Amino acid sequence: LLLMNGSVVTAATTLEESMTLRAIVDAPFLKDTEKLDALCLAAYSRLPRPAERERVRKGSRAKPDDAKAKEQAYANIFWALLNSPEFVLCP
């Protein structure tokens, strides 16, 4: 619960506090798929697998023209990555 709700993960997944997340979300030269790649690289030091890409694509409900919803979707994706067993349990 500390990881899921603690101040470290909250700071890492809040657009106002996380320099990593803010840099990825605001990068005008990155496409949506490249932003996902950057989030996975930041969390796992690897690119997302095809099945992970598909889950994120299906789970992302933000409309392309809704910038705030899209930003929140990236924050939610990063939160999920940081709370996954791969991040928490693997060295």
Protein backbone atom coordinates (compact mmCIF):
# COMPACT_ATOMS: atom_id res chain seq x y z
CA LEU A 1 0.00 0.00 0.00
CA LEU A 2 2.90 2.33 0.63
CA LEU A 3 3.99 2.03 -3.00
CA MET A 4 0.47 2.41 -4.36
CA ASN A 5 -0.54 5.36 -2.21
CA GLY A 6 2.73 6.68 -0.81
CA SER A 7 4.32 10.03 -1.44
CA VAL A 8 7.14 8.69 -3.64
CA VAL A 9 4.86 7.14 -6.26
CA THR A 10 2.42 10.01 -5.99
CA ALA A 11 5.20 12.48 -6.74
CA ALA A 12 6.49 10.32 -9.60
CA THR A 13 3.06 10.13 -11.23
CA THR A 14 1.84 13.68 -10.70
CA LEU A 15 2.39 15.93 -13.69
CA GLU A 16 3.10 18.92 -11.46
CA GLU A 17 5.84 17.12 -9.50
CA SER A 18 7.41 14.54 -11.81
CA MET A 19 10.03 15.94 -14.14
CA THR A 20 10.24 12.58 -15.95
CA LEU A 21 6.52 12.33 -16.59
CA ARG A 22 6.21 16.01 -17.52
CA ALA A 23 9.13 15.76 -19.99
CA ILE A 24 7.60 12.73 -21.70
CA VAL A 25 4.07 14.13 -21.86
CA ASP A 26 5.18 17.56 -23.10
CA ALA A 27 7.69 16.30 -25.71
CA PRO A 28 6.26 17.59 -29.02
CA PHE A 29 8.61 15.38 -31.03
CA LEU A 30 7.27 12.11 -29.55
CA LYS A 31 4.26 10.27 -30.97
CA ASP A 32 1.87 8.55 -28.57
CA THR A 33 3.57 5.17 -29.08
CA GLU A 34 6.97 6.74 -28.43
CA LYS A 35 5.67 8.29 -25.20
CA LEU A 36 4.57 4.84 -24.07
CA ASP A 37 8.03 3.54 -24.99
CA ALA A 38 9.63 6.28 -22.89
CA LEU A 39 7.41 5.49 -19.89
CA CYS A 40 8.28 1.79 -20.12
CA LEU A 41 11.95 2.58 -20.46
CA ALA A 42 11.75 4.80 -17.38
CA ALA A 43 9.99 2.13 -15.32
CA TYR A 44 11.40 -1.16 -16.67
CA SER A 45 14.50 -0.25 -18.71
CA ARG A 46 12.90 -2.02 -21.67
CA LEU A 47 10.40 -1.34 -24.41
CA PRO A 48 6.79 -2.49 -23.99
CA ARG A 49 5.86 -5.90 -25.32
CA PRO A 50 3.20 -6.13 -28.06
CA ALA A 51 0.59 -7.38 -25.59
CA GLU A 52 1.35 -4.46 -23.26
CA ARG A 53 0.99 -1.99 -26.12
CA GLU A 54 -2.39 -3.46 -26.99
CA ARG A 55 -3.63 -3.29 -23.38
CA VAL A 56 -2.61 0.35 -23.11
CA ARG A 57 -4.19 1.19 -26.45
CA LYS A 58 -7.47 -0.42 -25.39
CA GLY A 59 -7.32 1.09 -21.91
CA SER A 60 -6.59 4.62 -23.05
CA ARG A 61 -9.93 6.33 -23.45
CA ALA A 62 -8.71 9.88 -23.92
CA LYS A 63 -9.96 11.65 -27.01
CA PRO A 64 -7.12 12.89 -29.25
CA ASP A 65 -8.24 16.52 -28.90
CA ASP A 66 -8.64 16.44 -25.09
CA ALA A 67 -5.15 17.41 -23.89
CA LYS A 68 -5.89 17.27 -20.15
CA ALA A 69 -7.48 13.81 -20.40
CA LYS A 70 -4.53 12.60 -22.45
CA GLU A 71 -2.07 13.92 -19.86
CA GLN A 72 -4.00 12.17 -17.10
CA ALA A 73 -4.01 8.96 -19.14
CA TYR A 74 -0.20 9.05 -19.31
CA ALA A 75 -0.02 9.68 -15.56
CA ASN A 76 -2.30 6.70 -14.97
CA ILE A 77 -0.20 4.49 -17.26
CA PHE A 78 2.97 5.49 -15.42
CA TRP A 79 1.27 4.80 -12.08
CA ALA A 80 0.29 1.33 -13.29
CA LEU A 81 3.82 0.63 -14.50
CA LEU A 82 5.35 1.70 -11.19
CA ASN A 83 2.89 -0.45 -9.24
CA SER A 84 3.32 -3.56 -11.39
CA PRO A 85 5.01 -6.69 -10.01
CA GLU A 86 7.79 -6.29 -12.59
CA PHE A 87 8.78 -2.91 -11.19
CA VAL A 88 8.19 -3.73 -7.53
CA LEU A 89 9.72 -7.20 -7.36
CA CYS A 90 12.45 -7.35 -10.02
CA PRO A 91 15.90 -5.93 -9.27
